[in-house]
Amino acid sequence: MTHHRFITAALLTVLLISPAATAQVPVCVPPEEPWVPERDADIQAYVDLVAADFERYFSALTQHFQCLDQAWQDSLARARSVSAARETFVQRATALGLRARLGVDPQPPSNGWRK
């Protein structure tokens, strides 16, 4: 097996068995909005159902926001992990004299923003 194929096989193995690779991203589906009758007669007939539907909606909306917040936190944690892995990779590639082959400049400006 050539060196290139060995590295490719090793990377694929790590990706396939990595917990992050198999982690499920939460699916945050917003709740269905309540039906609001247009006619007064329908409001009179369905007031209890519509009121309960609004309660259900706002309760579900709170859960939806919690799901979105968890997804955001999970994404930030994963981005930090990937950033640390990238930093380690760049350091190792630089130590091996391969910095020029990294392509894009791996070091962000000191203020953290590109000019």
PDB file of N, CA and C in Angstrom:
ATOM      1  N   MET A   1       0.856  -1.176   0.000  1.00  0.00           N
ATOM      2  CA  MET A   1       0.000   0.000   0.000  1.00  0.00           C
ATOM      3  C   MET A   1       0.897   1.232   0.000  1.00  0.00           C
ATOM      4  N   THR A   2       0.636   2.165  -0.897  1.00  0.00           N
ATOM      5  CA  THR A   2       1.457   3.368  -0.960  1.00  0.00           C
ATOM      6  C   THR A   2       1.173   4.235   0.252  1.00  0.00           C
ATOM      7  N   HIS A   3       2.089   5.151   0.512  1.00  0.00           N
ATOM      8  CA  HIS A   3       1.961   6.054   1.662  1.00  0.00           C
ATOM      9  C   HIS A   3       0.675   6.879   1.570  1.00  0.00           C
ATOM     10  N   HIS A   4       0.365   7.368   0.367  1.00  0.00           N
ATOM     11  CA  HIS A   4      -0.848   8.181   0.160  1.00  0.00           C
ATOM     12  C   HIS A   4      -2.106   7.363   0.443  1.00  0.00           C
ATOM     13  N   ARG A   5      -2.140   6.137  -0.036  1.00  0.00           N
ATOM     14  CA  ARG A   5      -3.316   5.288   0.195  1.00  0.00           C
ATOM     15  C   ARG A   5      -3.452   4.924   1.674  1.00  0.00           C
ATOM     16  N   PHE A   6      -2.327   4.712   2.333  1.00  0.00           N
ATOM     17  CA  PHE A   6      -2.358   4.395   3.758  1.00  0.00           C
ATOM     18  C   PHE A   6      -2.961   5.553   4.558  1.00  0.00           C
ATOM     19  N   ILE A   7      -2.521   6.766   4.257  1.00  0.00           N
ATOM     20  CA  ILE A   7      -3.046   7.939   4.953  1.00  0.00           C
ATOM     21  C   ILE A   7      -4.534   8.104   4.665  1.00  0.00           C
ATOM     22  N   THR A   8      -4.933   7.932   3.425  1.00  0.00           N
ATOM     23  CA  THR A   8      -6.344   8.038   3.057  1.00  0.00           C
ATOM     24  C   THR A   8      -7.170   6.995   3.804  1.00  0.00           C
ATOM     25  N   ALA A   9      -6.695   5.773   3.849  1.00  0.00           N
ATOM     26  CA  ALA A   9      -7.412   4.709   4.552  1.00  0.00           C
ATOM     27  C   ALA A   9      -7.501   5.008   6.048  1.00  0.00           C
ATOM     28  N   ALA A  10      -6.415   5.517   6.629  1.00  0.00           N
ATOM     29  CA  ALA A  10      -6.417   5.845   8.053  1.00  0.00           C
ATOM     30  C   ALA A  10      -7.403   6.963   8.367  1.00  0.00           C
ATOM     31  N   LEU A  11      -7.428   7.994   7.520  1.00  0.00           N
ATOM     32  CA  LEU A  11      -8.361   9.102   7.735  1.00  0.00           C
ATOM     33  C   LEU A  11      -9.810   8.642   7.606  1.00  0.00           C
ATOM     34  N   LEU A  12     -10.087   7.819   6.612  1.00  0.00           N
ATOM     35  CA  LEU A  12     -11.449   7.311   6.446  1.00  0.00           C
ATOM     36  C   LEU A  12     -11.874   6.455   7.634  1.00  0.00           C
ATOM     37  N   THR A  13     -10.959   5.664   8.159  1.00  0.00           N
ATOM     38  CA  THR A  13     -11.270   4.840   9.321  1.00  0.00           C
ATOM     39  C   THR A  13     -11.607   5.701  10.520  1.00  0.00           C
ATOM     40  N   VAL A  14     -10.821   6.729  10.756  1.00  0.00           N
ATOM     41  CA  VAL A  14     -11.078   7.636  11.879  1.00  0.00           C
ATOM     42  C   VAL A  14     -12.422   8.320  11.706  1.00  0.00           C
ATOM     43  N   LEU A  15     -12.715   8.788  10.507  1.00  0.00           N
ATOM     44  CA  LEU A  15     -13.992   9.463  10.256  1.00  0.00           C
ATOM     45  C   LEU A  15     -15.176   8.531  10.429  1.00  0.00           C
ATOM     46  N   LEU A  16     -15.033   7.301  10.003  1.00  0.00           N
ATOM     47  CA  LEU A  16     -16.159   6.373  10.059  1.00  0.00           C
ATOM     48  C   LEU A  16     -16.456   5.885  11.471  1.00  0.00           C
ATOM     49  N   ILE A  17     -15.433   5.779  12.316  1.00  0.00           N
ATOM     50  CA  ILE A  17     -15.683   5.277  13.670  1.00  0.00           C
ATOM     51  C   ILE A  17     -15.723   6.389  14.707  1.00  0.00           C
ATOM     52  N   SER A  18     -15.456   7.600  14.301  1.00  0.00           N
ATOM     53  CA  SER A  18     -15.471   8.733  15.221  1.00  0.00           C
ATOM     54  C   SER A  18     -16.875   8.962  15.756  1.00  0.00           C
ATOM     55  N   PRO A  19     -17.028   9.187  17.084  1.00  0.00           N
ATOM     56  CA  PRO A  19     -18.347   9.488  17.635  1.00  0.00           C
ATOM     57  C   PRO A  19     -18.962  10.726  16.993  1.00  0.00           C
ATOM     58  N   ALA A  20     -18.135  11.704  16.655  1.00  0.00           N
ATOM     59  CA  ALA A  20     -18.655  12.923  16.033  1.00  0.00           C
ATOM     60  C   ALA A  20     -19.224  12.624  14.653  1.00  0.00           C
ATOM     61  N   ALA A  21     -18.627  11.670  13.963  1.00  0.00           N
ATOM     62  CA  ALA A  21     -19.114  11.340  12.628  1.00  0.00           C
ATOM     63  C   ALA A  21     -20.470  10.655  12.687  1.00  0.00           C
ATOM     64  N   THR A  22     -20.739   9.964  13.795  1.00  0.00           N
ATOM     65  CA  THR A  22     -22.013   9.252  13.923  1.00  0.00           C
ATOM     66  C   THR A  22     -23.011  10.010  14.776  1.00  0.00           C
ATOM     67  N   ALA A  23     -22.619  11.144  15.322  1.00  0.00           N
ATOM     68  CA  ALA A  23     -23.520  11.922  16.169  1.00  0.00           C
ATOM     69  C   ALA A  23     -24.680  12.463  15.340  1.00  0.00           C
ATOM     70  N   GLN A  24     -25.838  12.452  15.959  1.00  0.00           N
ATOM     71  CA  GLN A  24     -27.029  12.955  15.290  1.00  0.00           C
ATOM     72  C   GLN A  24     -27.214  14.420  15.641  1.00  0.00           C
ATOM     73  N   VAL A  25     -27.418  15.225  14.625  1.00  0.00           N
ATOM     74  CA  VAL A  25     -27.725  16.632  14.832  1.00  0.00           C
ATOM     75  C   VAL A  25     -29.218  16.713  15.141  1.00  0.00           C
ATOM     76  N   PRO A  26     -29.583  17.449  16.192  1.00  0.00           N
ATOM     77  CA  PRO A  26     -31.010  17.534  16.489  1.00  0.00           C
ATOM     78  C   PRO A  26     -31.784  18.171  15.337  1.00  0.00           C
ATOM     79  N   VAL A  27     -32.944  17.633  15.080  1.00  0.00           N
ATOM     80  CA  VAL A  27     -33.822  18.197  14.060  1.00  0.00           C
ATOM     81  C   VAL A  27     -34.880  19.003  14.799  1.00  0.00           C
ATOM     82  N   CYS A  28     -34.841  20.303  14.609  1.00  0.00           N
ATOM     83  CA  CYS A  28     -35.731  21.214  15.325  1.00  0.00           C
ATOM     84  C   CYS A  28     -36.841  21.671  14.388  1.00  0.00           C
ATOM     85  N   VAL A  29     -37.981  21.028  14.496  1.00  0.00           N
ATOM     86  CA  VAL A  29     -39.114  21.343  13.635  1.00  0.00           C
ATOM     87  C   VAL A  29     -40.035  22.309  14.383  1.00  0.00           C
ATOM     88  N   PRO A  30     -40.307  23.467  13.793  1.00  0.00           N
ATOM     89  CA  PRO A  30     -41.186  24.419  14.484  1.00  0.00           C
ATOM     90  C   PRO A  30     -42.610  23.872  14.575  1.00  0.00           C
ATOM     91  N   PRO A  31     -43.325  24.251  15.612  1.00  0.00           N
ATOM     92  CA  PRO A  31     -44.697  23.751  15.762  1.00  0.00           C
ATOM     93  C   PRO A  31     -45.626  24.357  14.716  1.00  0.00           C
ATOM     94  N   GLU A  32     -46.684  23.639  14.453  1.00  0.00           N
ATOM     95  CA  GLU A  32     -47.687  24.137  13.527  1.00  0.00           C
ATOM     96  C   GLU A  32     -48.457  25.271  14.183  1.00  0.00           C
ATOM     97  N   GLU A  33     -48.672  26.331  13.429  1.00  0.00           N
ATOM     98  CA  GLU A  33     -49.384  27.489  13.973  1.00  0.00           C
ATOM     99  C   GLU A  33     -50.870  27.174  14.129  1.00  0.00           C
ATOM    100  N   PRO A  34     -51.478  27.731  15.165  1.00  0.00           N
ATOM    101  CA  PRO A  34     -52.901  27.459  15.389  1.00  0.00           C
ATOM    102  C   PRO A  34     -53.784  28.060  14.297  1.00  0.00           C
ATOM    103  N   TRP A  35     -54.890  27.410  14.094  1.00  0.00           N
ATOM    104  CA  TRP A  35     -55.898  27.924  13.169  1.00  0.00           C
ATOM    105  C   TRP A  35     -56.720  28.963  13.908  1.00  0.00           C
ATOM    106  N   VAL A  36     -56.915  30.107  13.293  1.00  0.00           N
ATOM    107  CA  VAL A  36     -57.732  31.172  13.875  1.00  0.00           C
ATOM    108  C   VAL A  36     -58.944  31.370  12.969  1.00  0.00           C
ATOM    109  N   PRO A  37     -60.122  31.124  13.505  1.00  0.00           N
ATOM    110  CA  PRO A  37     -61.333  31.284  12.685  1.00  0.00           C
ATOM    111  C   PRO A  37     -61.508  32.717  12.220  1.00  0.00           C
ATOM    112  N   GLU A  38     -62.018  32.851  11.020  1.00  0.00           N
ATOM    113  CA  GLU A  38     -62.293  34.184  10.482  1.00  0.00           C
ATOM    114  C   GLU A  38     -63.693  34.659  10.855  1.00  0.00           C
ATOM    115  N   ARG A  39     -64.604  33.738  10.976  1.00  0.00           N
ATOM    116  CA  ARG A  39     -65.990  34.103  11.267  1.00  0.00           C
ATOM    117  C   ARG A  39     -66.263  34.075  12.765  1.00  0.00           C
ATOM    118  N   ASP A  40     -67.048  35.020  13.235  1.00  0.00           N
ATOM    119  CA  ASP A  40     -67.416  35.081  14.655  1.00  0.00           C
ATOM    120  C   ASP A  40     -68.143  33.820  15.101  1.00  0.00           C
ATOM    121  N   ALA A  41     -68.970  33.275  14.222  1.00  0.00           N
ATOM    122  CA  ALA A  41     -69.715  32.054  14.572  1.00  0.00           C
ATOM    123  C   ALA A  41     -68.748  30.898  14.840  1.00  0.00           C
ATOM    124  N   ASP A  42     -67.655  30.828  14.058  1.00  0.00           N
ATOM    125  CA  ASP A  42     -66.656  29.777  14.274  1.00  0.00           C
ATOM    126  C   ASP A  42     -65.873  30.012  15.563  1.00  0.00           C
ATOM    127  N   ILE A  43     -65.599  31.274  15.885  1.00  0.00           N
ATOM    128  CA  ILE A  43     -64.921  31.579  17.150  1.00  0.00           C
ATOM    129  C   ILE A  43     -65.796  31.117  18.312  1.00  0.00           C
ATOM    130  N   GLN A  44     -67.097  31.420  18.236  1.00  0.00           N
ATOM    131  CA  GLN A  44     -68.011  30.989  19.296  1.00  0.00           C
ATOM    132  C   GLN A  44     -68.063  29.469  19.396  1.00  0.00           C
ATOM    133  N   ALA A  45     -68.058  28.796  18.269  1.00  0.00           N
ATOM    134  CA  ALA A  45     -68.168  27.342  18.266  1.00  0.00           C
ATOM    135  C   ALA A  45     -66.878  26.645  18.710  1.00  0.00           C
ATOM    136  N   TYR A  46     -65.742  27.236  18.420  1.00  0.00           N
ATOM    137  CA  TYR A  46     -64.455  26.553  18.641  1.00  0.00           C
ATOM    138  C   TYR A  46     -63.525  27.279  19.613  1.00  0.00           C
ATOM    139  N   VAL A  47     -64.044  28.201  20.404  1.00  0.00           N
ATOM    140  CA  VAL A  47     -63.184  29.012  21.272  1.00  0.00           C
ATOM    141  C   VAL A  47     -62.299  28.153  22.178  1.00  0.00           C
ATOM    142  N   ASP A  48     -62.858  27.094  22.757  1.00  0.00           N
ATOM    143  CA  ASP A  48     -62.065  26.239  23.660  1.00  0.00           C
ATOM    144  C   ASP A  48     -60.946  25.517  22.903  1.00  0.00           C
ATOM    145  N   LEU A  49     -61.260  25.017  21.722  1.00  0.00           N
ATOM    146  CA  LEU A  49     -60.262  24.299  20.923  1.00  0.00           C
ATOM    147  C   LEU A  49     -59.146  25.231  20.447  1.00  0.00           C
ATOM    148  N   VAL A  50     -59.545  26.423  19.987  1.00  0.00           N
ATOM    149  CA  VAL A  50     -58.543  27.367  19.494  1.00  0.00           C
ATOM    150  C   VAL A  50     -57.664  27.861  20.637  1.00  0.00           C
ATOM    151  N   ALA A  51     -58.269  28.154  21.783  1.00  0.00           N
ATOM    152  CA  ALA A  51     -57.485  28.592  22.949  1.00  0.00           C
ATOM    153  C   ALA A  51     -56.490  27.505  23.366  1.00  0.00           C
ATOM    154  N   ALA A  52     -56.947  26.255  23.383  1.00  0.00           N
ATOM    155  CA  ALA A  52     -56.053  25.141  23.734  1.00  0.00           C
ATOM    156  C   ALA A  52     -54.951  24.989  22.688  1.00  0.00           C
ATOM    157  N   ASP A  53     -55.288  25.235  21.430  1.00  0.00           N
ATOM    158  CA  ASP A  53     -54.295  25.143  20.361  1.00  0.00           C
ATOM    159  C   ASP A  53     -53.208  26.208  20.520  1.00  0.00           C
ATOM    160  N   PHE A  54     -53.599  27.406  20.947  1.00  0.00           N
ATOM    161  CA  PHE A  54     -52.594  28.445  21.209  1.00  0.00           C
ATOM    162  C   PHE A  54     -51.687  28.044  22.362  1.00  0.00           C
ATOM    163  N   GLU A  55     -52.249  27.479  23.418  1.00  0.00           N
ATOM    164  CA  GLU A  55     -51.429  27.007  24.549  1.00  0.00           C
ATOM    165  C   GLU A  55     -50.444  25.935  24.094  1.00  0.00           C
ATOM    166  N   ARG A  56     -50.954  24.997  23.288  1.00  0.00           N
ATOM    167  CA  ARG A  56     -50.090  23.944  22.757  1.00  0.00           C
ATOM    168  C   ARG A  56     -48.973  24.543  21.914  1.00  0.00           C
ATOM    169  N   TYR A  57     -49.333  25.516  21.079  1.00  0.00           N
ATOM    170  CA  TYR A  57     -48.359  26.144  20.190  1.00  0.00           C
ATOM    171  C   TYR A  57     -47.229  26.805  20.983  1.00  0.00           C
ATOM    172  N   PHE A  58     -47.589  27.611  21.984  1.00  0.00           N
ATOM    173  CA  PHE A  58     -46.542  28.323  22.724  1.00  0.00           C
ATOM    174  C   PHE A  58     -45.708  27.382  23.583  1.00  0.00           C
ATOM    175  N   SER A  59     -46.310  26.321  24.065  1.00  0.00           N
ATOM    176  CA  SER A  59     -45.539  25.312  24.791  1.00  0.00           C
ATOM    177  C   SER A  59     -44.555  24.624  23.844  1.00  0.00           C
ATOM    178  N   ALA A  60     -45.042  24.246  22.679  1.00  0.00           N
ATOM    179  CA  ALA A  60     -44.180  23.600  21.687  1.00  0.00           C
ATOM    180  C   ALA A  60     -43.118  24.563  21.162  1.00  0.00           C
ATOM    181  N   LEU A  61     -43.463  25.845  21.071  1.00  0.00           N
ATOM    182  CA  LEU A  61     -42.498  26.838  20.593  1.00  0.00           C
ATOM    183  C   LEU A  61     -41.342  26.978  21.579  1.00  0.00           C
ATOM    184  N   THR A  62     -41.658  26.915  22.863  1.00  0.00           N
ATOM    185  CA  THR A  62     -40.603  26.947  23.880  1.00  0.00           C
ATOM    186  C   THR A  62     -39.663  25.754  23.710  1.00  0.00           C
ATOM    187  N   GLN A  63     -40.226  24.576  23.478  1.00  0.00           N
ATOM    188  CA  GLN A  63     -39.398  23.386  23.243  1.00  0.00           C
ATOM    189  C   GLN A  63     -38.579  23.538  21.957  1.00  0.00           C
ATOM    190  N   HIS A  64     -39.172  24.146  20.954  1.00  0.00           N
ATOM    191  CA  HIS A  64     -38.461  24.382  19.694  1.00  0.00           C
ATOM    192  C   HIS A  64     -37.249  25.291  19.925  1.00  0.00           C
ATOM    193  N   PHE A  65     -37.439  26.366  20.685  1.00  0.00           N
ATOM    194  CA  PHE A  65     -36.328  27.263  20.987  1.00  0.00           C
ATOM    195  C   PHE A  65     -35.238  26.539  21.774  1.00  0.00           C
ATOM    196  N   GLN A  66     -35.637  25.671  22.696  1.00  0.00           N
ATOM    197  CA  GLN A  66     -34.649  24.894  23.454  1.00  0.00           C
ATOM    198  C   GLN A  66     -33.865  23.965  22.534  1.00  0.00           C
ATOM    199  N   CYS A  67     -34.563  23.369  21.566  1.00  0.00           N
ATOM    200  CA  CYS A  67     -33.897  22.507  20.589  1.00  0.00           C
ATOM    201  C   CYS A  67     -32.897  23.302  19.757  1.00  0.00           C
ATOM    202  N   LEU A  68     -33.317  24.481  19.292  1.00  0.00           N
ATOM    203  CA  LEU A  68     -32.415  25.331  18.500  1.00  0.00           C
ATOM    204  C   LEU A  68     -31.192  25.742  19.314  1.00  0.00           C
ATOM    205  N   ASP A  69     -31.416  26.068  20.580  1.00  0.00           N
ATOM    206  CA  ASP A  69     -30.306  26.458  21.451  1.00  0.00           C
ATOM    207  C   ASP A  69     -29.337  25.292  21.629  1.00  0.00           C
ATOM    208  N   GLN A  70     -29.872  24.082  21.824  1.00  0.00           N
ATOM    209  CA  GLN A  70     -29.005  22.908  21.977  1.00  0.00           C
ATOM    210  C   GLN A  70     -28.222  22.645  20.696  1.00  0.00           C
ATOM    211  N   ALA A  71     -28.883  22.772  19.558  1.00  0.00           N
ATOM    212  CA  ALA A  71     -28.201  22.576  18.272  1.00  0.00           C
ATOM    213  C   ALA A  71     -27.088  23.606  18.099  1.00  0.00           C
ATOM    214  N   TRP A  72     -27.356  24.847  18.499  1.00  0.00           N
ATOM    215  CA  TRP A  72     -26.348  25.913  18.425  1.00  0.00           C
ATOM    216  C   TRP A  72     -25.153  25.569  19.314  1.00  0.00           C
ATOM    217  N   GLN A  73     -25.431  25.151  20.556  1.00  0.00           N
ATOM    218  CA  GLN A  73     -24.349  24.808  21.487  1.00  0.00           C
ATOM    219  C   GLN A  73     -23.539  23.612  20.967  1.00  0.00           C
ATOM    220  N   ASP A  74     -24.234  22.612  20.434  1.00  0.00           N
ATOM    221  CA  ASP A  74     -23.541  21.445  19.872  1.00  0.00           C
ATOM    222  C   ASP A  74     -22.645  21.852  18.707  1.00  0.00           C
ATOM    223  N   SER A  75     -23.148  22.739  17.864  1.00  0.00           N
ATOM    224  CA  SER A  75     -22.364  23.197  16.710  1.00  0.00           C
ATOM    225  C   SER A  75     -21.138  23.988  17.146  1.00  0.00           C
ATOM    226  N   LEU A  76     -21.300  24.837  18.153  1.00  0.00           N
ATOM    227  CA  LEU A  76     -20.150  25.593  18.655  1.00  0.00           C
ATOM    228  C   LEU A  76     -19.093  24.671  19.243  1.00  0.00           C
ATOM    229  N   ALA A  77     -19.524  23.681  20.011  1.00  0.00           N
ATOM    230  CA  ALA A  77     -18.571  22.740  20.602  1.00  0.00           C
ATOM    231  C   ALA A  77     -17.844  21.963  19.506  1.00  0.00           C
ATOM    232  N   ARG A  78     -18.589  21.546  18.496  1.00  0.00           N
ATOM    233  CA  ARG A  78     -17.966  20.804  17.401  1.00  0.00           C
ATOM    234  C   ARG A  78     -16.992  21.687  16.629  1.00  0.00           C
ATOM    235  N   ALA A  79     -17.354  22.951  16.409  1.00  0.00           N
ATOM    236  CA  ALA A  79     -16.457  23.876  15.708  1.00  0.00           C
ATOM    237  C   ALA A  79     -15.176  24.090  16.500  1.00  0.00           C
ATOM    238  N   ARG A  80     -15.286  24.183  17.812  1.00  0.00           N
ATOM    239  CA  ARG A  80     -14.073  24.330  18.645  1.00  0.00           C
ATOM    240  C   ARG A  80     -13.180  23.093  18.516  1.00  0.00           C
ATOM    241  N   SER A  81     -13.792  21.926  18.519  1.00  0.00           N
ATOM    242  CA  SER A  81     -13.036  20.686  18.396  1.00  0.00           C
ATOM    243  C   SER A  81     -12.333  20.599  17.038  1.00  0.00           C
ATOM    244  N   VAL A  82     -13.051  20.934  15.984  1.00  0.00           N
ATOM    245  CA  VAL A  82     -12.462  20.898  14.644  1.00  0.00           C
ATOM    246  C   VAL A  82     -11.363  21.948  14.516  1.00  0.00           C
ATOM    247  N   SER A  83     -11.566  23.105  15.115  1.00  0.00           N
ATOM    248  CA  SER A  83     -10.552  24.157  15.077  1.00  0.00           C
ATOM    249  C   SER A  83      -9.272  23.700  15.783  1.00  0.00           C
ATOM    250  N   ALA A  84      -9.434  23.034  16.917  1.00  0.00           N
ATOM    251  CA  ALA A  84      -8.258  22.519  17.641  1.00  0.00           C
ATOM    252  C   ALA A  84      -7.553  21.450  16.813  1.00  0.00           C
ATOM    253  N   ALA A  85      -8.320  20.583  16.152  1.00  0.00           N
ATOM    254  CA  ALA A  85      -7.720  19.546  15.300  1.00  0.00           C
ATOM    255  C   ALA A  85      -6.972  20.183  14.134  1.00  0.00           C
ATOM    256  N   ARG A  86      -7.539  21.251  13.577  1.00  0.00           N
ATOM    257  CA  ARG A  86      -6.878  21.951  12.474  1.00  0.00           C
ATOM    258  C   ARG A  86      -5.572  22.580  12.945  1.00  0.00           C
ATOM    259  N   GLU A  87      -5.605  23.181  14.110  1.00  0.00           N
ATOM    260  CA  GLU A  87      -4.397  23.803  14.645  1.00  0.00           C
ATOM    261  C   GLU A  87      -3.293  22.766  14.841  1.00  0.00           C
ATOM    262  N   THR A  88      -3.649  21.613  15.379  1.00  0.00           N
ATOM    263  CA  THR A  88      -2.681  20.533  15.566  1.00  0.00           C
ATOM    264  C   THR A  88      -2.133  20.067  14.222  1.00  0.00           C
ATOM    265  N   PHE A  89      -3.030  19.914  13.244  1.00  0.00           N
ATOM    266  CA  PHE A  89      -2.624  19.501  11.906  1.00  0.00           C
ATOM    267  C   PHE A  89      -1.646  20.499  11.292  1.00  0.00           C
ATOM    268  N   VAL A  90      -1.954  21.791  11.395  1.00  0.00           N
ATOM    269  CA  VAL A  90      -1.088  22.826  10.814  1.00  0.00           C
ATOM    270  C   VAL A  90       0.276  22.814  11.503  1.00  0.00           C
ATOM    271  N   GLN A  91       0.278  22.668  12.820  1.00  0.00           N
ATOM    272  CA  GLN A  91       1.549  22.623  13.549  1.00  0.00           C
ATOM    273  C   GLN A  91       2.385  21.430  13.111  1.00  0.00           C
ATOM    274  N   ARG A  92       1.748  20.273  12.988  1.00  0.00           N
ATOM    275  CA  ARG A  92       2.485  19.075  12.577  1.00  0.00           C
ATOM    276  C   ARG A  92       2.978  19.194  11.139  1.00  0.00           C
ATOM    277  N   ALA A  93       2.128  19.714  10.247  1.00  0.00           N
ATOM    278  CA  ALA A  93       2.545  19.880   8.849  1.00  0.00           C
ATOM    279  C   ALA A  93       3.693  20.878   8.750  1.00  0.00           C
ATOM    280  N   THR A  94       3.629  21.947   9.548  1.00  0.00           N
ATOM    281  CA  THR A  94       4.701  22.944   9.553  1.00  0.00           C
ATOM    282  C   THR A  94       5.995  22.324  10.066  1.00  0.00           C
ATOM    283  N   ALA A  95       5.895  21.535  11.130  1.00  0.00           N
ATOM    284  CA  ALA A  95       7.086  20.874  11.683  1.00  0.00           C
ATOM    285  C   ALA A  95       7.706  19.909  10.675  1.00  0.00           C
ATOM    286  N   LEU A  96       6.892  19.355   9.788  1.00  0.00           N
ATOM    287  CA  LEU A  96       7.396  18.437   8.772  1.00  0.00           C
ATOM    288  C   LEU A  96       7.861  19.171   7.510  1.00  0.00           C
ATOM    289  N   GLY A  97       7.817  20.513   7.551  1.00  0.00           N
ATOM    290  CA  GLY A  97       8.263  21.309   6.409  1.00  0.00           C
ATOM    291  C   GLY A  97       7.245  21.353   5.270  1.00  0.00           C
ATOM    292  N   LEU A  98       5.978  21.147   5.587  1.00  0.00           N
ATOM    293  CA  LEU A  98       4.944  21.079   4.552  1.00  0.00           C
ATOM    294  C   LEU A  98       4.027  22.297   4.531  1.00  0.00           C
ATOM    295  N   ARG A  99       4.405  23.340   5.223  1.00  0.00           N
ATOM    296  CA  ARG A  99       3.538  24.518   5.337  1.00  0.00           C
ATOM    297  C   ARG A  99       3.139  25.089   3.979  1.00  0.00           C
ATOM    298  N   ALA A 100       4.048  25.110   3.044  1.00  0.00           N
ATOM    299  CA  ALA A 100       3.754  25.667   1.717  1.00  0.00           C
ATOM    300  C   ALA A 100       2.698  24.844   0.985  1.00  0.00           C
ATOM    301  N   ARG A 101       2.548  23.575   1.355  1.00  0.00           N
ATOM    302  CA  ARG A 101       1.576  22.712   0.685  1.00  0.00           C
ATOM    303  C   ARG A 101       0.200  22.752   1.342  1.00  0.00           C
ATOM    304  N   LEU A 102       0.047  23.548   2.385  1.00  0.00           N
ATOM    305  CA  LEU A 102      -1.247  23.626   3.058  1.00  0.00           C
ATOM    306  C   LEU A 102      -2.276  24.400   2.255  1.00  0.00           C
ATOM    307  N   GLY A 103      -1.831  25.171   1.290  1.00  0.00           N
ATOM    308  CA  GLY A 103      -2.775  25.926   0.467  1.00  0.00           C
ATOM    309  C   GLY A 103      -3.057  27.287   1.067  1.00  0.00           C
ATOM    310  N   VAL A 104      -4.228  27.463   1.594  1.00  0.00           N
ATOM    311  CA  VAL A 104      -4.640  28.736   2.185  1.00  0.00           C
ATOM    312  C   VAL A 104      -3.801  29.001   3.424  1.00  0.00           C
ATOM    313  N   ASP A 105      -3.496  30.275   3.651  1.00  0.00           N
ATOM    314  CA  ASP A 105      -2.717  30.650   4.835  1.00  0.00           C
ATOM    315  C   ASP A 105      -3.420  30.135   6.082  1.00  0.00           C
ATOM    316  N   PRO A 106      -2.811  29.220   6.818  1.00  0.00           N
ATOM    317  CA  PRO A 106      -3.478  28.608   7.963  1.00  0.00           C
ATOM    318  C   PRO A 106      -3.537  29.479   9.206  1.00  0.00           C
ATOM    319  N   GLN A 107      -2.834  30.583   9.225  1.00  0.00           N
ATOM    320  CA  GLN A 107      -2.805  31.418  10.423  1.00  0.00           C
ATOM    321  C   GLN A 107      -3.681  32.644  10.238  1.00  0.00           C
ATOM    322  N   PRO A 108      -4.727  32.804  11.083  1.00  0.00           N
ATOM    323  CA  PRO A 108      -5.565  34.002  10.975  1.00  0.00           C
ATOM    324  C   PRO A 108      -4.778  35.233  11.440  1.00  0.00           C
ATOM    325  N   PRO A 109      -5.183  36.419  11.021  1.00  0.00           N
ATOM    326  CA  PRO A 109      -4.524  37.635  11.505  1.00  0.00           C
ATOM    327  C   PRO A 109      -4.633  37.729  13.025  1.00  0.00           C
ATOM    328  N   SER A 110      -3.772  38.514  13.635  1.00  0.00           N
ATOM    329  CA  SER A 110      -3.725  38.574  15.099  1.00  0.00           C
ATOM    330  C   SER A 110      -5.014  39.090  15.713  1.00  0.00           C
ATOM    331  N   ASN A 111      -5.791  39.898  14.988  1.00  0.00           N
ATOM    332  CA  ASN A 111      -7.052  40.396  15.555  1.00  0.00           C
ATOM    333  C   ASN A 111      -8.205  39.439  15.322  1.00  0.00           C
ATOM    334  N   GLY A 112      -7.953  38.305  14.640  1.00  0.00           N
ATOM    335  CA  GLY A 112      -8.968  37.292  14.432  1.00  0.00           C
ATOM    336  C   GLY A 112      -9.869  37.532  13.228  1.00  0.00           C
ATOM    337  N   TRP A 113      -9.674  38.633  12.536  1.00  0.00           N
ATOM    338  CA  TRP A 113     -10.514  38.948  11.379  1.00  0.00           C
ATOM    339  C   TRP A 113      -9.638  39.158  10.160  1.00  0.00           C
ATOM    340  N   ARG A 114     -10.130  38.737   9.032  1.00  0.00           N
ATOM    341  CA  ARG A 114      -9.407  38.977   7.779  1.00  0.00           C
ATOM    342  C   ARG A 114      -9.674  40.400   7.323  1.00  0.00           C
ATOM    343  N   LYS A 115      -8.651  41.002   6.773  1.00  0.00           N
ATOM    344  CA  LYS A 115      -8.785  42.390   6.297  1.00  0.00           C
ATOM    345  C   LYS A 115      -9.166  42.410   4.844  1.00  0.00           C
TER     346      LYS A 115
END
